[in-house]
Amino acid sequence: MLVDWRVGAVPREPTKIRPSVVVEDHELFPDAYPNTLVVPLTTDQGLAYPAFAERIDPGSENGAETTSWALAHHVTSVSLQRVQLTPSRITSEQLGSLRRRIGLALGLS
C-alpha cells in the first residue's frame, strides 16, 4: 500500500496546530527517539465515533474551555519538533480509557 499524506483527504484532515493528547508510554521509547504518539482533540462531536472517543469536559487541569473529544481512531506518530508542550493534562483515568479505545480501534481488544 502507498499513502499520499499530502493532499486530497475526504473528509479533510487537520493541517493546523491543534490540541492533542500524548498517549505514548514514555518508558517504551528511548529519550532520544524523535517522535511521539498522539491523539487529536476536536470540539466537533460529529467526528467523535462514540466507541473511539474520550469525552473531555472543561476543567482546571486540562485547560479546556469547552467540551472536546479525544479521537482514539486518529492515533498517529508525530515528530517532537512539531509538538509544543502545555501545562494542560487529562486525568489518569481518561488516559487509561483513551488507551483502551485505541486498542479497540486497532482490533486489539
PDB file of N, CA and C in Angstrom:
ATOM      1  N   MET A   1       0.835  -1.164   0.000  1.00  0.00           N
ATOM      2  CA  MET A   1       0.000   0.000   0.000  1.00  0.00           C
ATOM      3  C   MET A   1       0.884   1.232   0.000  1.00  0.00           C
ATOM      4  N   LEU A   2       0.458   2.232  -0.743  1.00  0.00           N
ATOM      5  CA  LEU A   2       1.091   3.547  -0.728  1.00  0.00           C
ATOM      6  C   LEU A   2       0.063   4.537  -0.208  1.00  0.00           C
ATOM      7  N   VAL A   3       0.501   5.531   0.543  1.00  0.00           N
ATOM      8  CA  VAL A   3      -0.400   6.544   1.081  1.00  0.00           C
ATOM      9  C   VAL A   3       0.116   7.916   0.698  1.00  0.00           C
ATOM     10  N   ASP A   4      -0.740   8.750   0.098  1.00  0.00           N
ATOM     11  CA  ASP A   4      -0.397  10.141  -0.179  1.00  0.00           C
ATOM     12  C   ASP A   4      -0.826  10.963   1.031  1.00  0.00           C
ATOM     13  N   TRP A   5       0.119  11.335   1.867  1.00  0.00           N
ATOM     14  CA  TRP A   5      -0.162  12.059   3.114  1.00  0.00           C
ATOM     15  C   TRP A   5      -0.348  13.553   2.877  1.00  0.00           C
ATOM     16  N   ARG A   6      -0.246  14.005   1.646  1.00  0.00           N
ATOM     17  CA  ARG A   6      -0.183  15.442   1.410  1.00  0.00           C
ATOM     18  C   ARG A   6      -1.505  16.091   1.050  1.00  0.00           C
ATOM     19  N   VAL A   7      -2.269  15.499   0.148  1.00  0.00           N
ATOM     20  CA  VAL A   7      -3.456  16.190  -0.373  1.00  0.00           C
ATOM     21  C   VAL A   7      -4.620  15.234  -0.570  1.00  0.00           C
ATOM     22  N   GLY A   8      -5.806  15.811  -0.740  1.00  0.00           N
ATOM     23  CA  GLY A   8      -6.953  15.066  -1.199  1.00  0.00           C
ATOM     24  C   GLY A   8      -7.742  14.269  -0.191  1.00  0.00           C
ATOM     25  N   ALA A   9      -7.492  14.428   1.080  1.00  0.00           N
ATOM     26  CA  ALA A   9      -8.224  13.648   2.073  1.00  0.00           C
ATOM     27  C   ALA A   9      -9.685  14.086   2.152  1.00  0.00           C
ATOM     28  N   VAL A  10     -10.578  13.111   2.170  1.00  0.00           N
ATOM     29  CA  VAL A  10     -12.007  13.368   2.353  1.00  0.00           C
ATOM     30  C   VAL A  10     -12.498  12.410   3.420  1.00  0.00           C
ATOM     31  N   PRO A  11     -13.006  12.875   4.569  1.00  0.00           N
ATOM     32  CA  PRO A  11     -13.112  14.286   4.894  1.00  0.00           C
ATOM     33  C   PRO A  11     -11.735  14.901   5.113  1.00  0.00           C
ATOM     34  N   ARG A  12     -11.704  16.216   5.046  1.00  0.00           N
ATOM     35  CA  ARG A  12     -10.458  16.958   5.176  1.00  0.00           C
ATOM     36  C   ARG A  12      -9.765  16.620   6.493  1.00  0.00           C
ATOM     37  N   GLU A  13      -8.463  16.393   6.441  1.00  0.00           N
ATOM     38  CA  GLU A  13      -7.690  16.085   7.629  1.00  0.00           C
ATOM     39  C   GLU A  13      -7.111  17.367   8.221  1.00  0.00           C
ATOM     40  N   PRO A  14      -6.819  17.348   9.536  1.00  0.00           N
ATOM     41  CA  PRO A  14      -6.295  18.563  10.157  1.00  0.00           C
ATOM     42  C   PRO A  14      -4.925  18.948   9.610  1.00  0.00           C
ATOM     43  N   THR A  15      -4.769  20.218   9.308  1.00  0.00           N
ATOM     44  CA  THR A  15      -3.494  20.728   8.806  1.00  0.00           C
ATOM     45  C   THR A  15      -3.105  21.992   9.560  1.00  0.00           C
ATOM     46  N   LYS A  16      -3.476  22.058  10.817  1.00  0.00           N
ATOM     47  CA  LYS A  16      -3.180  23.243  11.611  1.00  0.00           C
ATOM     48  C   LYS A  16      -2.707  22.810  12.994  1.00  0.00           C
ATOM     49  N   ILE A  17      -2.225  23.767  13.761  1.00  0.00           N
ATOM     50  CA  ILE A  17      -1.864  23.480  15.136  1.00  0.00           C
ATOM     51  C   ILE A  17      -3.155  23.216  15.895  1.00  0.00           C
ATOM     52  N   ARG A  18      -3.199  22.095  16.605  1.00  0.00           N
ATOM     53  CA  ARG A  18      -4.421  21.742  17.322  1.00  0.00           C
ATOM     54  C   ARG A  18      -4.066  21.032  18.615  1.00  0.00           C
ATOM     55  N   PRO A  19      -4.965  21.105  19.597  1.00  0.00           N
ATOM     56  CA  PRO A  19      -4.710  20.397  20.853  1.00  0.00           C
ATOM     57  C   PRO A  19      -4.727  18.895  20.636  1.00  0.00           C
ATOM     58  N   SER A  20      -3.846  18.227  21.369  1.00  0.00           N
ATOM     59  CA  SER A  20      -3.716  16.776  21.270  1.00  0.00           C
ATOM     60  C   SER A  20      -3.324  16.218  22.620  1.00  0.00           C
ATOM     61  N   VAL A  21      -3.461  14.904  22.753  1.00  0.00           N
ATOM     62  CA  VAL A  21      -3.072  14.205  23.974  1.00  0.00           C
ATOM     63  C   VAL A  21      -1.947  13.239  23.625  1.00  0.00           C
ATOM     64  N   VAL A  22      -0.841  13.311  24.366  1.00  0.00           N
ATOM     65  CA  VAL A  22       0.231  12.332  24.207  1.00  0.00           C
ATOM     66  C   VAL A  22      -0.240  11.051  24.882  1.00  0.00           C
ATOM     67  N   VAL A  23      -0.285   9.962  24.113  1.00  0.00           N
ATOM     68  CA  VAL A  23      -0.785   8.688  24.641  1.00  0.00           C
ATOM     69  C   VAL A  23       0.320   7.641  24.771  1.00  0.00           C
ATOM     70  N   GLU A  24       1.500   7.987  24.340  1.00  0.00           N
ATOM     71  CA  GLU A  24       2.637   7.067  24.391  1.00  0.00           C
ATOM     72  C   GLU A  24       3.080   6.843  25.834  1.00  0.00           C
ATOM     73  N   ASP A  25       3.473   5.638  26.121  1.00  0.00           N
ATOM     74  CA  ASP A  25       4.096   5.323  27.408  1.00  0.00           C
ATOM     75  C   ASP A  25       5.566   5.701  27.270  1.00  0.00           C
ATOM     76  N   HIS A  26       5.997   6.704  28.005  1.00  0.00           N
ATOM     77  CA  HIS A  26       7.362   7.226  27.849  1.00  0.00           C
ATOM     78  C   HIS A  26       8.443   6.178  28.124  1.00  0.00           C
ATOM     79  N   GLU A  27       8.100   5.097  28.787  1.00  0.00           N
ATOM     80  CA  GLU A  27       9.081   4.053  29.086  1.00  0.00           C
ATOM     81  C   GLU A  27       9.314   3.107  27.902  1.00  0.00           C
ATOM     82  N   LEU A  28       8.476   3.188  26.875  1.00  0.00           N
ATOM     83  CA  LEU A  28       8.615   2.281  25.734  1.00  0.00           C
ATOM     84  C   LEU A  28       9.697   2.711  24.754  1.00  0.00           C
ATOM     85  N   PHE A  29      10.004   4.004  24.717  1.00  0.00           N
ATOM     86  CA  PHE A  29      10.940   4.525  23.733  1.00  0.00           C
ATOM     87  C   PHE A  29      12.108   5.224  24.438  1.00  0.00           C
ATOM     88  N   PRO A  30      13.290   5.202  23.853  1.00  0.00           N
ATOM     89  CA  PRO A  30      14.422   5.904  24.461  1.00  0.00           C
ATOM     90  C   PRO A  30      14.202   7.419  24.415  1.00  0.00           C
ATOM     91  N   ASP A  31      14.863   8.132  25.305  1.00  0.00           N
ATOM     92  CA  ASP A  31      14.715   9.592  25.364  1.00  0.00           C
ATOM     93  C   ASP A  31      15.064  10.267  24.044  1.00  0.00           C
ATOM     94  N   ALA A  32      15.985   9.698  23.295  1.00  0.00           N
ATOM     95  CA  ALA A  32      16.421  10.302  22.038  1.00  0.00           C
ATOM     96  C   ALA A  32      15.475  10.004  20.866  1.00  0.00           C
ATOM     97  N   TYR A  33      14.436   9.188  21.085  1.00  0.00           N
ATOM     98  CA  TYR A  33      13.504   8.862  19.998  1.00  0.00           C
ATOM     99  C   TYR A  33      12.827  10.150  19.529  1.00  0.00           C
ATOM    100  N   PRO A  34      12.817  10.443  18.221  1.00  0.00           N
ATOM    101  CA  PRO A  34      12.383  11.757  17.738  1.00  0.00           C
ATOM    102  C   PRO A  34      10.876  11.940  17.540  1.00  0.00           C
ATOM    103  N   ASN A  35      10.089  10.936  17.828  1.00  0.00           N
ATOM    104  CA  ASN A  35       8.641  11.017  17.615  1.00  0.00           C
ATOM    105  C   ASN A  35       7.888  10.714  18.894  1.00  0.00           C
ATOM    106  N   THR A  36       6.583  11.025  18.888  1.00  0.00           N
ATOM    107  CA  THR A  36       5.710  10.648  19.994  1.00  0.00           C
ATOM    108  C   THR A  36       4.342  10.268  19.417  1.00  0.00           C
ATOM    109  N   LEU A  37       3.600   9.465  20.154  1.00  0.00           N
ATOM    110  CA  LEU A  37       2.265   9.042  19.733  1.00  0.00           C
ATOM    111  C   LEU A  37       1.229   9.973  20.350  1.00  0.00           C
ATOM    112  N   VAL A  38       0.345  10.499  19.519  1.00  0.00           N
ATOM    113  CA  VAL A  38      -0.659  11.456  19.980  1.00  0.00           C
ATOM    114  C   VAL A  38      -2.033  11.122  19.424  1.00  0.00           C
ATOM    115  N   VAL A  39      -3.043  11.688  20.091  1.00  0.00           N
ATOM    116  CA  VAL A  39      -4.430  11.616  19.644  1.00  0.00           C
ATOM    117  C   VAL A  39      -4.931  13.055  19.585  1.00  0.00           C
ATOM    118  N   PRO A  40      -5.532  13.471  18.470  1.00  0.00           N
ATOM    119  CA  PRO A  40      -6.022  14.845  18.380  1.00  0.00           C
ATOM    120  C   PRO A  40      -7.319  15.034  19.168  1.00  0.00           C
ATOM    121  N   LEU A  41      -7.544  16.274  19.581  1.00  0.00           N
ATOM    122  CA  LEU A  41      -8.800  16.664  20.216  1.00  0.00           C
ATOM    123  C   LEU A  41      -9.629  17.443  19.219  1.00  0.00           C
ATOM    124  N   THR A  42     -10.943  17.306  19.322  1.00  0.00           N
ATOM    125  CA  THR A  42     -11.853  18.079  18.489  1.00  0.00           C
ATOM    126  C   THR A  42     -13.040  18.530  19.321  1.00  0.00           C
ATOM    127  N   THR A  43     -13.635  19.640  18.927  1.00  0.00           N
ATOM    128  CA  THR A  43     -14.885  20.070  19.549  1.00  0.00           C
ATOM    129  C   THR A  43     -16.076  19.673  18.684  1.00  0.00           C
ATOM    130  N   ASP A  44     -15.804  19.053  17.532  1.00  0.00           N
ATOM    131  CA  ASP A  44     -16.854  18.613  16.607  1.00  0.00           C
ATOM    132  C   ASP A  44     -17.342  17.222  17.014  1.00  0.00           C
ATOM    133  N   GLN A  45     -18.455  17.166  17.705  1.00  0.00           N
ATOM    134  CA  GLN A  45     -18.991  15.888  18.173  1.00  0.00           C
ATOM    135  C   GLN A  45     -19.300  14.950  17.014  1.00  0.00           C
ATOM    136  N   GLY A  46     -19.548  15.487  15.845  1.00  0.00           N
ATOM    137  CA  GLY A  46     -19.822  14.661  14.669  1.00  0.00           C
ATOM    138  C   GLY A  46     -18.646  13.787  14.259  1.00  0.00           C
ATOM    139  N   LEU A  47     -17.429  14.163  14.635  1.00  0.00           N
ATOM    140  CA  LEU A  47     -16.242  13.370  14.333  1.00  0.00           C
ATOM    141  C   LEU A  47     -15.956  12.331  15.407  1.00  0.00           C
ATOM    142  N   ALA A  48     -16.683  12.417  16.513  1.00  0.00           N
ATOM    143  CA  ALA A  48     -16.425  11.575  17.686  1.00  0.00           C
ATOM    144  C   ALA A  48     -17.273  10.315  17.649  1.00  0.00           C
ATOM    145  N   TYR A  49     -16.758   9.273  16.984  1.00  0.00           N
ATOM    146  CA  TYR A  49     -17.441   7.978  16.982  1.00  0.00           C
ATOM    147  C   TYR A  49     -17.436   7.476  18.422  1.00  0.00           C
ATOM    148  N   PRO A  50     -18.599   7.251  19.035  1.00  0.00           N
ATOM    149  CA  PRO A  50     -18.685   7.012  20.486  1.00  0.00           C
ATOM    150  C   PRO A  50     -17.738   5.959  21.060  1.00  0.00           C
ATOM    151  N   ALA A  51     -17.543   4.839  20.391  1.00  0.00           N
ATOM    152  CA  ALA A  51     -16.684   3.788  20.938  1.00  0.00           C
ATOM    153  C   ALA A  51     -15.213   4.178  20.944  1.00  0.00           C
ATOM    154  N   PHE A  52     -14.851   5.161  20.113  1.00  0.00           N
ATOM    155  CA  PHE A  52     -13.447   5.522  19.945  1.00  0.00           C
ATOM    156  C   PHE A  52     -13.117   6.933  20.397  1.00  0.00           C
ATOM    157  N   ALA A  53     -14.012   7.592  21.102  1.00  0.00           N
ATOM    158  CA  ALA A  53     -13.778   8.984  21.505  1.00  0.00           C
ATOM    159  C   ALA A  53     -13.942   9.133  23.015  1.00  0.00           C
ATOM    160  N   GLU A  54     -12.953   9.735  23.640  1.00  0.00           N
ATOM    161  CA  GLU A  54     -12.993  10.021  25.070  1.00  0.00           C
ATOM    162  C   GLU A  54     -13.451  11.461  25.258  1.00  0.00           C
ATOM    163  N   ARG A  55     -14.562  11.633  25.961  1.00  0.00           N
ATOM    164  CA  ARG A  55     -15.099  12.973  26.212  1.00  0.00           C
ATOM    165  C   ARG A  55     -14.216  13.674  27.254  1.00  0.00           C
ATOM    166  N   ILE A  56     -13.830  14.918  26.944  1.00  0.00           N
ATOM    167  CA  ILE A  56     -13.024  15.733  27.842  1.00  0.00           C
ATOM    168  C   ILE A  56     -13.830  16.990  28.167  1.00  0.00           C
ATOM    169  N   ASP A  57     -14.342  17.054  29.389  1.00  0.00           N
ATOM    170  CA  ASP A  57     -15.091  18.232  29.812  1.00  0.00           C
ATOM    171  C   ASP A  57     -14.140  19.286  30.357  1.00  0.00           C
ATOM    172  N   PRO A  58     -14.518  20.572  30.268  1.00  0.00           N
ATOM    173  CA  PRO A  58     -13.651  21.635  30.784  1.00  0.00           C
ATOM    174  C   PRO A  58     -13.319  21.424  32.256  1.00  0.00           C
ATOM    175  N   GLY A  59     -12.086  21.735  32.610  1.00  0.00           N
ATOM    176  CA  GLY A  59     -11.640  21.599  33.992  1.00  0.00           C
ATOM    177  C   GLY A  59     -10.374  22.394  34.223  1.00  0.00           C
ATOM    178  N   SER A  60     -10.023  22.583  35.471  1.00  0.00           N
ATOM    179  CA  SER A  60      -8.847  23.396  35.788  1.00  0.00           C
ATOM    180  C   SER A  60      -7.545  22.732  35.340  1.00  0.00           C
ATOM    181  N   GLU A  61      -7.445  21.400  35.400  1.00  0.00           N
ATOM    182  CA  GLU A  61      -6.214  20.709  34.988  1.00  0.00           C
ATOM    183  C   GLU A  61      -6.025  20.666  33.479  1.00  0.00           C
ATOM    184  N   ASN A  62      -7.129  20.481  32.736  1.00  0.00           N
ATOM    185  CA  ASN A  62      -6.974  20.281  31.298  1.00  0.00           C
ATOM    186  C   ASN A  62      -6.993  21.574  30.493  1.00  0.00           C
ATOM    187  N   GLY A  63      -7.373  22.689  31.101  1.00  0.00           N
ATOM    188  CA  GLY A  63      -7.339  23.963  30.405  1.00  0.00           C
ATOM    189  C   GLY A  63      -8.388  24.119  29.321  1.00  0.00           C
ATOM    190  N   ALA A  64      -9.269  23.133  29.173  1.00  0.00           N
ATOM    191  CA  ALA A  64     -10.299  23.212  28.129  1.00  0.00           C
ATOM    192  C   ALA A  64     -11.346  24.265  28.474  1.00  0.00           C
ATOM    193  N   GLU A  65     -11.793  24.978  27.465  1.00  0.00           N
ATOM    194  CA  GLU A  65     -12.838  25.981  27.643  1.00  0.00           C
ATOM    195  C   GLU A  65     -14.200  25.454  27.226  1.00  0.00           C
ATOM    196  N   THR A  66     -14.193  24.362  26.485  1.00  0.00           N
ATOM    197  CA  THR A  66     -15.428  23.744  26.013  1.00  0.00           C
ATOM    198  C   THR A  66     -15.222  22.234  25.972  1.00  0.00           C
ATOM    199  N   THR A  67     -16.305  21.488  25.918  1.00  0.00           N
ATOM    200  CA  THR A  67     -16.214  20.036  25.821  1.00  0.00           C
ATOM    201  C   THR A  67     -15.531  19.650  24.511  1.00  0.00           C
ATOM    202  N   SER A  68     -14.620  18.696  24.602  1.00  0.00           N
ATOM    203  CA  SER A  68     -13.958  18.194  23.406  1.00  0.00           C
ATOM    204  C   SER A  68     -13.866  16.676  23.494  1.00  0.00           C
ATOM    205  N   TRP A  69     -13.464  16.069  22.398  1.00  0.00           N
ATOM    206  CA  TRP A  69     -13.344  14.614  22.323  1.00  0.00           C
ATOM    207  C   TRP A  69     -11.954  14.260  21.823  1.00  0.00           C
ATOM    208  N   ALA A  70     -11.305  13.312  22.505  1.00  0.00           N
ATOM    209  CA  ALA A  70     -10.027  12.768  22.071  1.00  0.00           C
ATOM    210  C   ALA A  70     -10.332  11.599  21.133  1.00  0.00           C
ATOM    211  N   LEU A  71      -9.861  11.673  19.909  1.00  0.00           N
ATOM    212  CA  LEU A  71     -10.225  10.718  18.855  1.00  0.00           C
ATOM    213  C   LEU A  71      -9.220   9.568  18.782  1.00  0.00           C
ATOM    214  N   ALA A  72      -9.506   8.491  19.507  1.00  0.00           N
ATOM    215  CA  ALA A  72      -8.601   7.334  19.583  1.00  0.00           C
ATOM    216  C   ALA A  72      -8.331   6.730  18.210  1.00  0.00           C
ATOM    217  N   HIS A  73      -9.300   6.760  17.320  1.00  0.00           N
ATOM    218  CA  HIS A  73      -9.119   6.162  15.996  1.00  0.00           C
ATOM    219  C   HIS A  73      -8.265   7.033  15.073  1.00  0.00           C
ATOM    220  N   HIS A  74      -7.801   8.178  15.581  1.00  0.00           N
ATOM    221  CA  HIS A  74      -6.898   9.044  14.820  1.00  0.00           C
ATOM    222  C   HIS A  74      -5.502   9.073  15.432  1.00  0.00           C
ATOM    223  N   VAL A  75      -5.161   8.059  16.227  1.00  0.00           N
ATOM    224  CA  VAL A  75      -3.839   7.997  16.840  1.00  0.00           C
ATOM    225  C   VAL A  75      -2.774   8.031  15.745  1.00  0.00           C
ATOM    226  N   THR A  76      -1.711   8.787  15.988  1.00  0.00           N
ATOM    227  CA  THR A  76      -0.647   8.912  14.993  1.00  0.00           C
ATOM    228  C   THR A  76       0.673   9.227  15.670  1.00  0.00           C
ATOM    229  N   SER A  77       1.726   9.048  14.934  1.00  0.00           N
ATOM    230  CA  SER A  77       3.061   9.399  15.388  1.00  0.00           C
ATOM    231  C   SER A  77       3.435  10.738  14.766  1.00  0.00           C
ATOM    232  N   VAL A  78       3.968  11.653  15.592  1.00  0.00           N
ATOM    233  CA  VAL A  78       4.399  12.957  15.079  1.00  0.00           C
ATOM    234  C   VAL A  78       5.815  13.255  15.568  1.00  0.00           C
ATOM    235  N   SER A  79       6.515  14.040  14.805  1.00  0.00           N
ATOM    236  CA  SER A  79       7.849  14.472  15.179  1.00  0.00           C
ATOM    237  C   SER A  79       7.770  15.369  16.409  1.00  0.00           C
ATOM    238  N   LEU A  80       8.690  15.179  17.350  1.00  0.00           N
ATOM    239  CA  LEU A  80       8.739  16.034  18.531  1.00  0.00           C
ATOM    240  C   LEU A  80       8.979  17.490  18.165  1.00  0.00           C
ATOM    241  N   GLN A  81       9.567  17.741  16.990  1.00  0.00           N
ATOM    242  CA  GLN A  81       9.794  19.112  16.538  1.00  0.00           C
ATOM    243  C   GLN A  81       8.485  19.834  16.246  1.00  0.00           C
ATOM    244  N   ARG A  82       7.393  19.073  16.083  1.00  0.00           N
ATOM    245  CA  ARG A  82       6.094  19.673  15.789  1.00  0.00           C
ATOM    246  C   ARG A  82       5.221  19.785  17.039  1.00  0.00           C
ATOM    247  N   VAL A  83       5.759  19.432  18.206  1.00  0.00           N
ATOM    248  CA  VAL A  83       4.991  19.410  19.450  1.00  0.00           C
ATOM    249  C   VAL A  83       5.364  20.609  20.320  1.00  0.00           C
ATOM    250  N   GLN A  84       4.336  21.303  20.816  1.00  0.00           N
ATOM    251  CA  GLN A  84       4.522  22.392  21.763  1.00  0.00           C
ATOM    252  C   GLN A  84       3.889  21.954  23.079  1.00  0.00           C
ATOM    253  N   LEU A  85       4.691  21.776  24.109  1.00  0.00           N
ATOM    254  CA  LEU A  85       4.166  21.334  25.399  1.00  0.00           C
ATOM    255  C   LEU A  85       3.355  22.438  26.060  1.00  0.00           C
ATOM    256  N   THR A  86       2.308  22.020  26.785  1.00  0.00           N
ATOM    257  CA  THR A  86       1.477  22.937  27.556  1.00  0.00           C
ATOM    258  C   THR A  86       1.324  22.361  28.965  1.00  0.00           C
ATOM    259  N   PRO A  87       0.839  23.148  29.901  1.00  0.00           N
ATOM    260  CA  PRO A  87       0.616  22.619  31.244  1.00  0.00           C
ATOM    261  C   PRO A  87      -0.672  21.795  31.363  1.00  0.00           C
ATOM    262  N   SER A  88      -1.464  21.732  30.323  1.00  0.00           N
ATOM    263  CA  SER A  88      -2.749  21.035  30.359  1.00  0.00           C
ATOM    264  C   SER A  88      -2.554  19.530  30.459  1.00  0.00           C
ATOM    265  N   ARG A  89      -3.434  18.873  31.214  1.00  0.00           N
ATOM    266  CA  ARG A  89      -3.365  17.427  31.416  1.00  0.00           C
ATOM    267  C   ARG A  89      -4.773  16.839  31.492  1.00  0.00           C
ATOM    268  N   ILE A  90      -4.919  15.581  31.033  1.00  0.00           N
ATOM    269  CA  ILE A  90      -6.148  14.845  31.300  1.00  0.00           C
ATOM    270  C   ILE A  90      -5.878  13.968  32.514  1.00  0.00           C
ATOM    271  N   THR A  91      -6.923  13.389  33.079  1.00  0.00           N
ATOM    272  CA  THR A  91      -6.746  12.543  34.256  1.00  0.00           C
ATOM    273  C   THR A  91      -6.139  11.205  33.855  1.00  0.00           C
ATOM    274  N   SER A  92      -5.565  10.499  34.815  1.00  0.00           N
ATOM    275  CA  SER A  92      -5.010   9.171  34.532  1.00  0.00           C
ATOM    276  C   SER A  92      -6.116   8.208  34.114  1.00  0.00           C
ATOM    277  N   GLU A  93      -7.330   8.391  34.653  1.00  0.00           N
ATOM    278  CA  GLU A  93      -8.461   7.545  34.247  1.00  0.00           C
ATOM    279  C   GLU A  93      -8.819   7.795  32.793  1.00  0.00           C
ATOM    280  N   GLN A  94      -8.819   9.063  32.371  1.00  0.00           N
ATOM    281  CA  GLN A  94      -9.118   9.384  30.981  1.00  0.00           C
ATOM    282  C   GLN A  94      -8.043   8.820  30.052  1.00  0.00           C
ATOM    283  N   LEU A  95      -6.775   8.925  30.455  1.00  0.00           N
ATOM    284  CA  LEU A  95      -5.690   8.382  29.640  1.00  0.00           C
ATOM    285  C   LEU A  95      -5.816   6.870  29.511  1.00  0.00           C
ATOM    286  N   GLY A  96      -6.127   6.187  30.611  1.00  0.00           N
ATOM    287  CA  GLY A  96      -6.322   4.739  30.550  1.00  0.00           C
ATOM    288  C   GLY A  96      -7.464   4.361  29.632  1.00  0.00           C
ATOM    289  N   SER A  97      -8.571   5.088  29.735  1.00  0.00           N
ATOM    290  CA  SER A  97      -9.718   4.827  28.874  1.00  0.00           C
ATOM    291  C   SER A  97      -9.371   5.095  27.415  1.00  0.00           C
ATOM    292  N   LEU A  98      -8.630   6.157  27.166  1.00  0.00           N
ATOM    293  CA  LEU A  98      -8.236   6.500  25.802  1.00  0.00           C
ATOM    294  C   LEU A  98      -7.332   5.420  25.209  1.00  0.00           C
ATOM    295  N   ARG A  99      -6.400   4.914  25.997  1.00  0.00           N
ATOM    296  CA  ARG A  99      -5.523   3.837  25.521  1.00  0.00           C
ATOM    297  C   ARG A  99      -6.324   2.572  25.223  1.00  0.00           C
ATOM    298  N   ARG A 100      -7.344   2.267  26.032  1.00  0.00           N
ATOM    299  CA  ARG A 100      -8.201   1.104  25.757  1.00  0.00           C
ATOM    300  C   ARG A 100      -8.972   1.312  24.457  1.00  0.00           C
ATOM    301  N   ARG A 101      -9.425   2.523  24.221  1.00  0.00           N
ATOM    302  CA  ARG A 101     -10.153   2.834  22.977  1.00  0.00           C
ATOM    303  C   ARG A 101      -9.238   2.696  21.763  1.00  0.00           C
ATOM    304  N   ILE A 102      -7.976   3.082  21.918  1.00  0.00           N
ATOM    305  CA  ILE A 102      -7.006   2.893  20.823  1.00  0.00           C
ATOM    306  C   ILE A 102      -6.872   1.396  20.518  1.00  0.00           C
ATOM    307  N   GLY A 103      -6.743   0.584  21.576  1.00  0.00           N
ATOM    308  CA  GLY A 103      -6.664  -0.866  21.384  1.00  0.00           C
ATOM    309  C   GLY A 103      -7.877  -1.415  20.665  1.00  0.00           C
ATOM    310  N   LEU A 104      -9.056  -0.917  21.042  1.00  0.00           N
ATOM    311  CA  LEU A 104     -10.299  -1.332  20.384  1.00  0.00           C
ATOM    312  C   LEU A 104     -10.281  -0.944  18.907  1.00  0.00           C
ATOM    313  N   ALA A 105      -9.852   0.287  18.621  1.00  0.00           N
ATOM    314  CA  ALA A 105      -9.819   0.757  17.239  1.00  0.00           C
ATOM    315  C   ALA A 105      -8.838  -0.049  16.390  1.00  0.00           C
ATOM    316  N   LEU A 106      -7.790  -0.580  17.028  1.00  0.00           N
ATOM    317  CA  LEU A 106      -6.793  -1.372  16.309  1.00  0.00           C
ATOM    318  C   LEU A 106      -7.112  -2.858  16.293  1.00  0.00           C
ATOM    319  N   GLY A 107      -8.238  -3.221  16.926  1.00  0.00           N
ATOM    320  CA  GLY A 107      -8.641  -4.617  16.967  1.00  0.00           C
ATOM    321  C   GLY A 107      -7.863  -5.438  17.976  1.00  0.00           C
ATOM    322  N   LEU A 108      -7.290  -4.782  18.983  1.00  0.00           N
ATOM    323  CA  LEU A 108      -6.501  -5.482  19.992  1.00  0.00           C
ATOM    324  C   LEU A 108      -7.329  -5.852  21.210  1.00  0.00           C
ATOM    325  N   SER A 109      -8.518  -5.319  21.318  1.00  0.00           N
ATOM    326  CA  SER A 109      -9.373  -5.577  22.481  1.00  0.00           C
ATOM    327  C   SER A 109     -10.576  -6.401  22.095  1.00  0.00           C
TER     328      SER A 109
END
